[in-house]
PDB file of N, CA and C in Angstrom:
ATOM      1  N   MET A   1      81.387  83.896 165.205  1.00  0.00           N
ATOM      2  CA  MET A   1      82.640  84.689 165.716  1.00  0.00           C
ATOM      3  C   MET A   1      83.273  84.077 166.847  1.00  0.00           C
ATOM      4  N   ALA A   2      82.581  83.181 167.520  1.00  0.00           N
ATOM      5  CA  ALA A   2      83.354  82.666 168.701  1.00  0.00           C
ATOM      6  C   ALA A   2      84.518  81.965 168.400  1.00  0.00           C
ATOM      7  N   SER A   3      84.608  81.201 167.215  1.00  0.00           N
ATOM      8  CA  SER A   3      85.743  80.457 166.762  1.00  0.00           C
ATOM      9  C   SER A   3      86.944  81.387 166.508  1.00  0.00           C
ATOM     10  N   LEU A   4      86.677  82.696 166.097  1.00  0.00           N
ATOM     11  CA  LEU A   4      87.823  83.576 165.891  1.00  0.00           C
ATOM     12  C   LEU A   4      88.441  84.051 167.174  1.00  0.00           C
ATOM     13  N   GLN A   5      87.770  83.904 168.292  1.00  0.00           N
ATOM     14  CA  GLN A   5      88.354  84.266 169.525  1.00  0.00           C
ATOM     15  C   GLN A   5      89.327  83.399 170.092  1.00  0.00           C
ATOM     16  N   ARG A   6      89.384  82.130 169.475  1.00  0.00           N
ATOM     17  CA  ARG A   6      90.373  81.091 170.044  1.00  0.00           C
ATOM     18  C   ARG A   6      91.836  81.624 169.800  1.00  0.00           C
ATOM     19  N   PRO A   7      92.712  81.382 170.686  1.00  0.00           N
ATOM     20  CA  PRO A   7      94.059  81.898 170.646  1.00  0.00           C
ATOM     21  C   PRO A   7      94.950  81.281 169.475  1.00  0.00           C
ATOM     22  N   GLU A   8      94.517  80.093 169.084  1.00  0.00           N
ATOM     23  CA  GLU A   8      95.376  79.413 168.006  1.00  0.00           C
ATOM     24  C   GLU A   8      95.108  79.973 166.621  1.00  0.00           C
ATOM     25  N   ILE A   9      93.982  80.696 166.457  1.00  0.00           N
ATOM     26  CA  ILE A   9      93.575  81.339 165.180  1.00  0.00           C
ATOM     27  C   ILE A   9      93.944  82.773 165.232  1.00  0.00           C
ATOM     28  N   LYS A  10      94.864  83.179 164.409  1.00  0.00           N
ATOM     29  CA  LYS A  10      95.358  84.539 164.285  1.00  0.00           C
ATOM     30  C   LYS A  10      94.863  85.130 162.940  1.00  0.00           C
ATOM     31  N   LEU A  11      94.145  86.325 162.918  1.00  0.00           N
ATOM     32  CA  LEU A  11      93.604  86.948 161.789  1.00  0.00           C
ATOM     33  C   LEU A  11      94.798  87.403 160.738  1.00  0.00           C
ATOM     34  N   GLU A  12      95.884  87.625 161.246  1.00  0.00           N
ATOM     35  CA  GLU A  12      97.101  88.057 160.406  1.00  0.00           C
ATOM     36  C   GLU A  12      97.544  86.955 159.529  1.00  0.00           C
ATOM     37  N   SER A  13      97.429  85.784 160.025  1.00  0.00           N
ATOM     38  CA  SER A  13      97.953  84.645 159.248  1.00  0.00           C
ATOM     39  C   SER A  13      96.847  83.792 158.707  1.00  0.00           C
ATOM     40  N   LEU A  14      95.636  84.170 158.809  1.00  0.00           N
ATOM     41  CA  LEU A  14      94.416  83.318 158.410  1.00  0.00           C
ATOM     42  C   LEU A  14      94.492  82.965 156.923  1.00  0.00           C
ATOM     43  N   LYS A  15      94.835  83.898 156.080  1.00  0.00           N
ATOM     44  CA  LYS A  15      94.883  83.586 154.659  1.00  0.00           C
ATOM     45  C   LYS A  15      95.967  82.564 154.341  1.00  0.00           C
ATOM     46  N   GLU A  16      97.156  82.734 154.923  1.00  0.00           N
ATOM     47  CA  GLU A  16      98.146  81.751 154.687  1.00  0.00           C
ATOM     48  C   GLU A  16      97.934  80.379 155.239  1.00  0.00           C
ATOM     49  N   ASP A  17      97.262  80.441 156.458  1.00  0.00           N
ATOM     50  CA  ASP A  17      96.893  79.159 157.071  1.00  0.00           C
ATOM     51  C   ASP A  17      95.876  78.329 156.225  1.00  0.00           C
ATOM     52  N   ILE A  18      94.985  79.092 155.655  1.00  0.00           N
ATOM     53  CA  ILE A  18      93.884  78.445 154.743  1.00  0.00           C
ATOM     54  C   ILE A  18      94.613  77.886 153.590  1.00  0.00           C
ATOM     55  N   LYS A  19      95.457  78.695 152.973  1.00  0.00           N
ATOM     56  CA  LYS A  19      96.310  78.145 151.684  1.00  0.00           C
ATOM     57  C   LYS A  19      96.975  76.853 152.063  1.00  0.00           C
ATOM     58  N   GLU A  20      97.695  76.881 153.225  1.00  0.00           N
ATOM     59  CA  GLU A  20      98.483  75.650 153.739  1.00  0.00           C
ATOM     60  C   GLU A  20      97.591  74.577 153.880  1.00  0.00           C
ATOM     61  N   PHE A  21      96.369  74.772 154.506  1.00  0.00           N
ATOM     62  CA  PHE A  21      95.409  73.645 154.718  1.00  0.00           C
ATOM     63  C   PHE A  21      94.956  73.038 153.335  1.00  0.00           C
ATOM     64  N   PHE A  22      94.777  73.865 152.350  1.00  0.00           N
ATOM     65  CA  PHE A  22      94.188  73.377 151.092  1.00  0.00           C
ATOM     66  C   PHE A  22      95.414  72.572 150.452  1.00  0.00           C
ATOM     67  N   LYS A  23      96.641  72.999 150.671  1.00  0.00           N
ATOM     68  CA  LYS A  23      97.757  72.242 150.048  1.00  0.00           C
ATOM     69  C   LYS A  23      97.903  70.869 150.701  1.00  0.00           C
ATOM     70  N   ILE A  24      97.797  70.828 152.059  1.00  0.00           N
ATOM     71  CA  ILE A  24      98.065  69.628 152.764  1.00  0.00           C
ATOM     72  C   ILE A  24      96.906  68.638 152.560  1.00  0.00           C
ATOM     73  N   SER A  25      95.707  69.122 152.548  1.00  0.00           N
ATOM     74  CA  SER A  25      94.451  68.300 152.368  1.00  0.00           C
ATOM     75  C   SER A  25      94.173  67.868 150.906  1.00  0.00           C
ATOM     76  N   GLY A  26      94.870  68.394 149.917  1.00  0.00           N
ATOM     77  CA  GLY A  26      94.642  68.057 148.548  1.00  0.00           C
ATOM     78  C   GLY A  26      93.464  68.833 147.974  1.00  0.00           C
ATOM     79  N   TRP A  27      92.952  69.759 148.643  1.00  0.00           N
ATOM     80  CA  TRP A  27      91.845  70.594 148.136  1.00  0.00           C
ATOM     81  C   TRP A  27      92.325  71.582 147.137  1.00  0.00           C
ATOM     82  N   GLU A  28      93.572  71.983 147.197  1.00  0.00           N
ATOM     83  CA  GLU A  28      94.108  72.900 146.305  1.00  0.00           C
ATOM     84  C   GLU A  28      93.911  72.575 144.777  1.00  0.00           C
ATOM     85  N   LYS A  29      94.328  71.382 144.541  1.00  0.00           N
ATOM     86  CA  LYS A  29      94.198  70.882 143.037  1.00  0.00           C
ATOM     87  C   LYS A  29      92.730  70.765 142.685  1.00  0.00           C
ATOM     88  N   LYS A  30      91.875  70.256 143.659  1.00  0.00           N
ATOM     89  CA  LYS A  30      90.491  70.098 143.405  1.00  0.00           C
ATOM     90  C   LYS A  30      89.881  71.400 143.082  1.00  0.00           C
ATOM     91  N   LEU A  31      90.168  72.435 143.840  1.00  0.00           N
ATOM     92  CA  LEU A  31      89.669  73.757 143.713  1.00  0.00           C
ATOM     93  C   LEU A  31      90.172  74.332 142.394  1.00  0.00           C
ATOM     94  N   GLN A  32      91.399  74.153 142.080  1.00  0.00           N
ATOM     95  CA  GLN A  32      91.925  74.667 140.717  1.00  0.00           C
ATOM     96  C   GLN A  32      91.309  74.012 139.661  1.00  0.00           C
ATOM     97  N   ASN A  33      90.983  72.679 139.708  1.00  0.00           N
ATOM     98  CA  ASN A  33      90.353  72.019 138.611  1.00  0.00           C
ATOM     99  C   ASN A  33      88.929  72.491 138.472  1.00  0.00           C
ATOM    100  N   ALA A  34      88.232  72.633 139.524  1.00  0.00           N
ATOM    101  CA  ALA A  34      86.859  73.030 139.420  1.00  0.00           C
ATOM    102  C   ALA A  34      86.719  74.481 138.863  1.00  0.00           C
ATOM    103  N   VAL A  35      87.621  75.371 139.313  1.00  0.00           N
ATOM    104  CA  VAL A  35      87.602  76.775 138.722  1.00  0.00           C
ATOM    105  C   VAL A  35      87.984  76.725 137.221  1.00  0.00           C
ATOM    106  N   TYR A  36      88.898  75.940 136.880  1.00  0.00           N
ATOM    107  CA  TYR A  36      89.261  75.757 135.458  1.00  0.00           C
ATOM    108  C   TYR A  36      88.135  75.216 134.656  1.00  0.00           C
ATOM    109  N   SER A  37      87.441  74.210 135.193  1.00  0.00           N
ATOM    110  CA  SER A  37      86.377  73.569 134.365  1.00  0.00           C
ATOM    111  C   SER A  37      85.087  74.596 134.228  1.00  0.00           C
ATOM    112  N   GLU A  38      84.915  75.425 135.179  1.00  0.00           N
ATOM    113  CA  GLU A  38      83.934  76.356 135.160  1.00  0.00           C
ATOM    114  C   GLU A  38      84.295  77.522 134.118  1.00  0.00           C
ATOM    115  N   LEU A  39      85.572  77.941 134.154  1.00  0.00           N
ATOM    116  CA  LEU A  39      86.007  79.007 133.311  1.00  0.00           C
ATOM    117  C   LEU A  39      86.061  78.569 131.758  1.00  0.00           C
ATOM    118  N   SER A  40      86.337  77.326 131.637  1.00  0.00           N
ATOM    119  CA  SER A  40      86.399  76.897 130.259  1.00  0.00           C
ATOM    120  C   SER A  40      85.137  76.733 129.464  1.00  0.00           C
ATOM    121  N   VAL A  41      84.029  76.772 130.188  1.00  0.00           N
ATOM    122  CA  VAL A  41      82.738  76.818 129.568  1.00  0.00           C
ATOM    123  C   VAL A  41      82.423  78.175 128.923  1.00  0.00           C
ATOM    124  N   PHE A  42      82.971  79.199 129.537  1.00  0.00           N
ATOM    125  CA  PHE A  42      82.697  80.509 128.879  1.00  0.00           C
ATOM    126  C   PHE A  42      83.796  80.833 127.871  1.00  0.00           C
ATOM    127  N   PRO A  43      83.328  81.571 126.757  1.00  0.00           N
ATOM    128  CA  PRO A  43      84.286  81.984 125.762  1.00  0.00           C
ATOM    129  C   PRO A  43      85.197  83.075 126.241  1.00  0.00           C
ATOM    130  N   LEU A  44      86.363  83.228 125.710  1.00  0.00           N
ATOM    131  CA  LEU A  44      87.180  84.297 126.173  1.00  0.00           C
ATOM    132  C   LEU A  44      86.587  85.647 125.677  1.00  0.00           C
ATOM    133  N   PRO A  45      86.491  86.647 126.639  1.00  0.00           N
ATOM    134  CA  PRO A  45      86.037  87.828 126.230  1.00  0.00           C
ATOM    135  C   PRO A  45      86.875  88.637 125.298  1.00  0.00           C
ATOM    136  N   SER A  46      86.327  89.293 124.329  1.00  0.00           N
ATOM    137  CA  SER A  46      87.073  90.047 123.423  1.00  0.00           C
ATOM    138  C   SER A  46      87.186  91.539 123.988  1.00  0.00           C
ATOM    139  N   HIS A  47      87.904  92.358 123.393  1.00  0.00           N
ATOM    140  CA  HIS A  47      87.969  93.724 123.760  1.00  0.00           C
ATOM    141  C   HIS A  47      86.609  94.341 123.500  1.00  0.00           C
ATOM    142  N   PRO A  48      85.983  95.034 124.544  1.00  0.00           N
ATOM    143  CA  PRO A  48      84.681  95.534 124.401  1.00  0.00           C
ATOM    144  C   PRO A  48      84.559  96.655 123.334  1.00  0.00           C
ATOM    145  N   ALA A  49      85.661  97.380 123.117  1.00  0.00           N
ATOM    146  CA  ALA A  49      85.584  98.449 122.089  1.00  0.00           C
ATOM    147  C   ALA A  49      85.925  97.949 120.704  1.00  0.00           C
ATOM    148  N   ALA A  50      86.301  96.716 120.473  1.00  0.00           N
ATOM    149  CA  ALA A  50      86.684  96.180 119.225  1.00  0.00           C
ATOM    150  C   ALA A  50      85.503  95.794 118.508  1.00  0.00           C
ATOM    151  N   PRO A  51      85.327  96.333 117.189  1.00  0.00           N
ATOM    152  CA  PRO A  51      84.095  95.909 116.350  1.00  0.00           C
ATOM    153  C   PRO A  51      84.318  94.524 115.867  1.00  0.00           C
ATOM    154  N   PRO A  52      83.233  93.819 115.602  1.00  0.00           N
ATOM    155  CA  PRO A  52      83.322  92.417 115.055  1.00  0.00           C
ATOM    156  C   PRO A  52      84.224  92.274 113.778  1.00  0.00           C
ATOM    157  N   GLU A  53      84.381  93.232 112.937  1.00  0.00           N
ATOM    158  CA  GLU A  53      85.235  93.086 111.865  1.00  0.00           C
ATOM    159  C   GLU A  53      86.710  93.138 112.183  1.00  0.00           C
ATOM    160  N   HIS A  54      86.999  93.608 113.256  1.00  0.00           N
ATOM    161  CA  HIS A  54      88.426  93.680 113.723  1.00  0.00           C
ATOM    162  C   HIS A  54      88.984  92.439 114.512  1.00  0.00           C
ATOM    163  N   LEU A  55      87.977  91.507 114.821  1.00  0.00           N
ATOM    164  CA  LEU A  55      88.422  90.279 115.521  1.00  0.00           C
ATOM    165  C   LEU A  55      89.114  89.344 114.574  1.00  0.00           C
ATOM    166  N   LYS A  56      89.962  88.611 115.110  1.00  0.00           N
ATOM    167  CA  LYS A  56      90.871  87.650 114.514  1.00  0.00           C
ATOM    168  C   LYS A  56      89.947  86.465 113.866  1.00  0.00           C
ATOM    169  N   GLU A  57      90.107  86.236 112.555  1.00  0.00           N
ATOM    170  CA  GLU A  57      89.406  85.074 112.005  1.00  0.00           C
ATOM    171  C   GLU A  57      90.120  83.777 112.429  1.00  0.00           C
ATOM    172  N   PRO A  58      89.351  82.723 112.557  1.00  0.00           N
ATOM    173  CA  PRO A  58      89.813  81.461 112.934  1.00  0.00           C
ATOM    174  C   PRO A  58      90.729  80.918 111.874  1.00  0.00           C
ATOM    175  N   LEU A  59      91.685  80.124 112.167  1.00  0.00           N
ATOM    176  CA  LEU A  59      92.629  79.592 111.135  1.00  0.00           C
ATOM    177  C   LEU A  59      91.960  78.719 110.232  1.00  0.00           C
ATOM    178  N   VAL A  60      90.973  77.863 110.658  1.00  0.00           N
ATOM    179  CA  VAL A  60      90.272  76.969 109.791  1.00  0.00           C
ATOM    180  C   VAL A  60      89.613  77.700 108.563  1.00  0.00           C
ATOM    181  N   TYR A  61      89.067  78.968 108.886  1.00  0.00           N
ATOM    182  CA  TYR A  61      88.446  79.763 107.843  1.00  0.00           C
ATOM    183  C   TYR A  61      89.467  80.057 106.853  1.00  0.00           C
ATOM    184  N   MET A  62      90.671  80.519 107.256  1.00  0.00           N
ATOM    185  CA  MET A  62      91.748  80.892 106.437  1.00  0.00           C
ATOM    186  C   MET A  62      92.157  79.638 105.521  1.00  0.00           C
ATOM    187  N   ARG A  63      92.226  78.461 106.076  1.00  0.00           N
ATOM    188  CA  ARG A  63      92.647  77.315 105.310  1.00  0.00           C
ATOM    189  C   ARG A  63      91.631  77.048 104.165  1.00  0.00           C
ATOM    190  N   LYS A  64      90.314  77.174 104.490  1.00  0.00           N
ATOM    191  CA  LYS A  64      89.274  76.914 103.432  1.00  0.00           C
ATOM    192  C   LYS A  64      89.394  77.950 102.415  1.00  0.00           C
ATOM    193  N   ALA A  65      89.494  79.241 102.789  1.00  0.00           N
ATOM    194  CA  ALA A  65      89.721  80.247 101.771  1.00  0.00           C
ATOM    195  C   ALA A  65      90.911  80.063 100.916  1.00  0.00           C
ATOM    196  N   GLN A  66      91.958  79.647 101.557  1.00  0.00           N
ATOM    197  CA  GLN A  66      93.230  79.348 100.705  1.00  0.00           C
ATOM    198  C   GLN A  66      92.920  78.145  99.783  1.00  0.00           C
ATOM    199  N   GLY A  67      92.197  77.101 100.105  1.00  0.00           N
ATOM    200  CA  GLY A  67      91.950  75.978  99.309  1.00  0.00           C
ATOM    201  C   GLY A  67      91.066  76.329  98.175  1.00  0.00           C
ATOM    202  N   SER A  68      89.978  77.051  98.399  1.00  0.00           N
ATOM    203  CA  SER A  68      89.068  77.566  97.320  1.00  0.00           C
ATOM    204  C   SER A  68      89.786  78.537  96.291  1.00  0.00           C
ATOM    205  N   TRP A  69      90.634  79.346  96.906  1.00  0.00           N
ATOM    206  CA  TRP A  69      91.410  80.295  96.014  1.00  0.00           C
ATOM    207  C   TRP A  69      92.408  79.476  95.112  1.00  0.00           C
ATOM    208  N   GLU A  70      93.058  78.455  95.639  1.00  0.00           N
ATOM    209  CA  GLU A  70      93.978  77.716  94.798  1.00  0.00           C
ATOM    210  C   GLU A  70      93.167  76.840  93.756  1.00  0.00           C
ATOM    211  N   LYS A  71      91.972  76.412  94.063  1.00  0.00           N
ATOM    212  CA  LYS A  71      91.145  75.768  93.095  1.00  0.00           C
ATOM    213  C   LYS A  71      90.768  76.555  91.953  1.00  0.00           C
ATOM    214  N   ARG A  72      90.345  77.895  92.354  1.00  0.00           N
ATOM    215  CA  ARG A  72      90.068  78.935  91.244  1.00  0.00           C
ATOM    216  C   ARG A  72      91.224  79.131  90.278  1.00  0.00           C
ATOM    217  N   ILE A  73      92.360  79.377  91.005  1.00  0.00           N
ATOM    218  CA  ILE A  73      93.554  79.690  90.163  1.00  0.00           C
ATOM    219  C   ILE A  73      93.973  78.535  89.236  1.00  0.00           C
ATOM    220  N   LEU A  74      93.855  77.292  89.722  1.00  0.00           N
ATOM    221  CA  LEU A  74      94.146  76.143  88.992  1.00  0.00           C
ATOM    222  C   LEU A  74      93.243  75.978  87.758  1.00  0.00           C
ATOM    223  N   LYS A  75      91.965  76.256  88.092  1.00  0.00           N
ATOM    224  CA  LYS A  75      90.947  76.163  87.058  1.00  0.00           C
ATOM    225  C   LYS A  75      91.265  77.199  85.936  1.00  0.00           C
ATOM    226  N   SER A  76      91.519  78.393  86.396  1.00  0.00           N
ATOM    227  CA  SER A  76      91.768  79.460  85.462  1.00  0.00           C
ATOM    228  C   SER A  76      93.045  79.195  84.603  1.00  0.00           C
ATOM    229  N   LEU A  77      94.050  78.658  85.279  1.00  0.00           N
ATOM    230  CA  LEU A  77      95.256  78.296  84.544  1.00  0.00           C
ATOM    231  C   LEU A  77      95.059  77.144  83.486  1.00  0.00           C
ATOM    232  N   ASN A  78      94.264  76.131  83.950  1.00  0.00           N
ATOM    233  CA  ASN A  78      93.920  75.060  82.944  1.00  0.00           C
ATOM    234  C   ASN A  78      93.263  75.614  81.813  1.00  0.00           C
ATOM    235  N   SER A  79      92.194  76.512  81.977  1.00  0.00           N
ATOM    236  CA  SER A  79      91.436  76.966  80.853  1.00  0.00           C
ATOM    237  C   SER A  79      92.322  77.814  79.931  1.00  0.00           C
ATOM    238  N   MET A  80      93.233  78.693  80.465  1.00  0.00           N
ATOM    239  CA  MET A  80      94.188  79.531  79.699  1.00  0.00           C
ATOM    240  C   MET A  80      94.991  78.615  78.801  1.00  0.00           C
ATOM    241  N   CYS A  81      95.615  77.572  79.424  1.00  0.00           N
ATOM    242  CA  CYS A  81      96.445  76.611  78.705  1.00  0.00           C
ATOM    243  C   CYS A  81      95.660  75.932  77.604  1.00  0.00           C
ATOM    244  N   THR A  82      94.345  75.543  77.822  1.00  0.00           N
ATOM    245  CA  THR A  82      93.572  74.958  76.818  1.00  0.00           C
ATOM    246  C   THR A  82      93.275  75.851  75.696  1.00  0.00           C
ATOM    247  N   GLU A  83      92.891  77.096  76.023  1.00  0.00           N
ATOM    248  CA  GLU A  83      92.685  78.163  74.901  1.00  0.00           C
ATOM    249  C   GLU A  83      93.910  78.407  74.051  1.00  0.00           C
ATOM    250  N   LEU A  84      95.048  78.353  74.737  1.00  0.00           N
ATOM    251  CA  LEU A  84      96.395  78.643  74.022  1.00  0.00           C
ATOM    252  C   LEU A  84      97.045  77.401  73.385  1.00  0.00           C
ATOM    253  N   SER A  85      96.412  76.246  73.571  1.00  0.00           N
ATOM    254  CA  SER A  85      96.938  74.976  73.122  1.00  0.00           C
ATOM    255  C   SER A  85      98.333  74.689  73.647  1.00  0.00           C
ATOM    256  N   ILE A  86      98.565  75.053  74.894  1.00  0.00           N
ATOM    257  CA  ILE A  86      99.860  74.834  75.569  1.00  0.00           C
ATOM    258  C   ILE A  86      99.607  73.679  76.556  1.00  0.00           C
ATOM    259  N   PRO A  87     100.351  72.615  76.433  1.00  0.00           N
ATOM    260  CA  PRO A  87     100.301  71.566  77.358  1.00  0.00           C
ATOM    261  C   PRO A  87     100.774  71.959  78.765  1.00  0.00           C
ATOM    262  N   LEU A  88      99.877  71.858  79.775  1.00  0.00           N
ATOM    263  CA  LEU A  88     100.278  72.270  81.166  1.00  0.00           C
ATOM    264  C   LEU A  88     101.208  71.330  81.681  1.00  0.00           C
ATOM    265  N   ALA A  89     101.031  69.942  81.506  1.00  0.00           N
ATOM    266  CA  ALA A  89     101.820  69.001  82.185  1.00  0.00           C
ATOM    267  C   ALA A  89     102.617  68.187  80.976  1.00  0.00           C
ATOM    268  N   ARG A  90     103.899  68.324  81.050  1.00  0.00           N
ATOM    269  CA  ARG A  90     104.697  67.605  80.041  1.00  0.00           C
ATOM    270  C   ARG A  90     105.921  66.887  80.807  1.00  0.00           C
ATOM    271  N   LYS A  91     106.435  65.852  80.118  1.00  0.00           N
ATOM    272  CA  LYS A  91     107.595  65.170  80.712  1.00  0.00           C
ATOM    273  C   LYS A  91     108.913  66.104  80.442  1.00  0.00           C
ATOM    274  N   ARG A  92     109.668  66.146  81.453  1.00  0.00           N
ATOM    275  CA  ARG A  92     110.915  67.022  81.373  1.00  0.00           C
ATOM    276  C   ARG A  92     111.949  66.246  80.568  1.00  0.00           C
ATOM    277  N   PRO A  93     112.733  67.024  79.802  1.00  0.00           N
ATOM    278  CA  PRO A  93     113.810  66.412  79.167  1.00  0.00           C
ATOM    279  C   PRO A  93     114.839  65.751  80.098  1.00  0.00           C
ATOM    280  N   VAL A  94     115.571  64.813  79.710  1.00  0.00           N
ATOM    281  CA  VAL A  94     116.489  64.029  80.545  1.00  0.00           C
ATOM    282  C   VAL A  94     117.412  65.007  81.274  1.00  0.00           C
ATOM    283  N   GLY A  95     118.083  65.814  80.530  1.00  0.00           N
ATOM    284  CA  GLY A  95     118.995  66.790  81.121  1.00  0.00           C
ATOM    285  C   GLY A  95     118.354  67.681  82.173  1.00  0.00           C
ATOM    286  N   GLU A  96     117.094  68.175  82.029  1.00  0.00           N
ATOM    287  CA  GLU A  96     116.445  68.905  83.033  1.00  0.00           C
ATOM    288  C   GLU A  96     116.009  68.080  84.233  1.00  0.00           C
ATOM    289  N   GLN A  97     115.721  66.786  84.001  1.00  0.00           N
ATOM    290  CA  GLN A  97     115.439  65.846  85.055  1.00  0.00           C
ATOM    291  C   GLN A  97     116.603  65.627  86.009  1.00  0.00           C
ATOM    292  N   LYS A  98     117.865  65.541  85.334  1.00  0.00           N
ATOM    293  CA  LYS A  98     118.983  65.350  86.143  1.00  0.00           C
ATOM    294  C   LYS A  98     119.433  66.482  86.956  1.00  0.00           C
ATOM    295  N   GLU A  99     119.254  67.694  86.291  1.00  0.00           N
ATOM    296  CA  GLU A  99     119.478  68.921  87.042  1.00  0.00           C
ATOM    297  C   GLU A  99     118.621  69.178  88.252  1.00  0.00           C
ATOM    298  N   LEU A 100     117.307  68.833  88.046  1.00  0.00           N
ATOM    299  CA  LEU A 100     116.393  68.924  89.099  1.00  0.00           C
ATOM    300  C   LEU A 100     116.684  67.999  90.242  1.00  0.00           C
ATOM    301  N   LEU A 101     117.071  66.790  89.951  1.00  0.00           N
ATOM    302  CA  LEU A 101     117.478  65.770  90.929  1.00  0.00           C
ATOM    303  C   LEU A 101     118.757  66.251  91.750  1.00  0.00           C
ATOM    304  N   ASN A 102     119.643  66.880  91.058  1.00  0.00           N
ATOM    305  CA  ASN A 102     120.832  67.449  91.723  1.00  0.00           C
ATOM    306  C   ASN A 102     120.504  68.617  92.642  1.00  0.00           C
ATOM    307  N   LYS A 103     119.577  69.435  92.285  1.00  0.00           N
ATOM    308  CA  LYS A 103     119.236  70.616  93.054  1.00  0.00           C
ATOM    309  C   LYS A 103     117.941  70.342  94.027  1.00  0.00           C
ATOM    310  N   TRP A 104     117.449  69.181  94.080  1.00  0.00           N
ATOM    311  CA  TRP A 104     116.338  68.933  94.866  1.00  0.00           C
ATOM    312  C   TRP A 104     116.366  69.332  96.335  1.00  0.00           C
ATOM    313  N   ASN A 105     117.600  69.011  96.886  1.00  0.00           N
ATOM    314  CA  ASN A 105     117.804  69.355  98.314  1.00  0.00           C
ATOM    315  C   ASN A 105     117.792  70.713  98.593  1.00  0.00           C
ATOM    316  N   GLU A 106     118.131  71.574  97.627  1.00  0.00           N
ATOM    317  CA  GLU A 106     118.221  72.996  97.765  1.00  0.00           C
ATOM    318  C   GLU A 106     116.782  73.694  97.716  1.00  0.00           C
ATOM    319  N   MET A 107     115.990  72.960  97.133  1.00  0.00           N
ATOM    320  CA  MET A 107     114.556  73.593  96.862  1.00  0.00           C
ATOM    321  C   MET A 107     113.749  73.452  98.026  1.00  0.00           C
ATOM    322  N   GLY A 108     112.973  74.503  98.535  1.00  0.00           N
ATOM    323  CA  GLY A 108     112.157  74.332  99.647  1.00  0.00           C
ATOM    324  C   GLY A 108     110.731  73.927  99.390  1.00  0.00           C
ATOM    325  N   THR A 109     110.120  73.204 100.286  1.00  0.00           N
ATOM    326  CA  THR A 109     108.694  72.953 100.110  1.00  0.00           C
ATOM    327  C   THR A 109     107.847  73.325 101.228  1.00  0.00           C
ATOM    328  N   ASP A 110     108.400  74.482 101.958  1.00  0.00           N
ATOM    329  CA  ASP A 110     107.645  74.926 103.123  1.00  0.00           C
ATOM    330  C   ASP A 110     106.421  75.723 102.656  1.00  0.00           C
ATOM    331  N   GLU A 111     105.461  75.501 103.528  1.00  0.00           N
ATOM    332  CA  GLU A 111     104.277  76.389 103.414  1.00  0.00           C
ATOM    333  C   GLU A 111     104.361  77.534 104.405  1.00  0.00           C
ATOM    334  N   PRO A 112     103.689  78.672 103.988  1.00  0.00           N
ATOM    335  CA  PRO A 112     103.750  79.838 104.990  1.00  0.00           C
ATOM    336  C   PRO A 112     103.020  79.377 106.167  1.00  0.00           C
ATOM    337  N   ASP A 113     103.426  79.890 107.343  1.00  0.00           N
ATOM    338  CA  ASP A 113     102.861  79.665 108.641  1.00  0.00           C
ATOM    339  C   ASP A 113     101.818  80.720 108.870  1.00  0.00           C
ATOM    340  N   LEU A 114     100.548  80.323 108.759  1.00  0.00           N
ATOM    341  CA  LEU A 114      99.479  81.244 108.870  1.00  0.00           C
ATOM    342  C   LEU A 114      99.051  81.446 110.275  1.00  0.00           C
ATOM    343  N   SER A 115      99.580  80.711 111.262  1.00  0.00           N
ATOM    344  CA  SER A 115      99.207  80.943 112.659  1.00  0.00           C
ATOM    345  C   SER A 115      99.632  82.255 113.305  1.00  0.00           C
ATOM    346  N   LEU A 116     100.481  83.006 112.566  1.00  0.00           N
ATOM    347  CA  LEU A 116     100.979  84.247 113.058  1.00  0.00           C
ATOM    348  C   LEU A 116      99.967  85.363 112.707  1.00  0.00           C
ATOM    349  N   PHE A 117      99.055  85.125 111.763  1.00  0.00           N
ATOM    350  CA  PHE A 117      98.165  86.176 111.278  1.00  0.00           C
ATOM    351  C   PHE A 117      96.806  85.947 112.054  1.00  0.00           C
TER     352      PHE A 117
END
């Protein structure tokens, strides 16, 4: 406590003086980085009242599920076409090819953005 009795140290401005010292000496960034690296080790806490089934699924899981669902649909579509003797892939007539080329820029190839869910 003897150092707090010195006249150049004022308790009112001690907090601001320490902050200023950290900035000047470069310890501010070192301290921020140390705190960040310690906090990044721990997973983000979820809401304590939220049951596990209400937590958000990772996007990777959704992409896997989408891929397997698309494979199942394609397999089902192929087998239906085989049973009905309908060719699934055929060459387009010339007129349809030209029409498709003319309208190609209007057609969208966007995938839905799953990051919002």
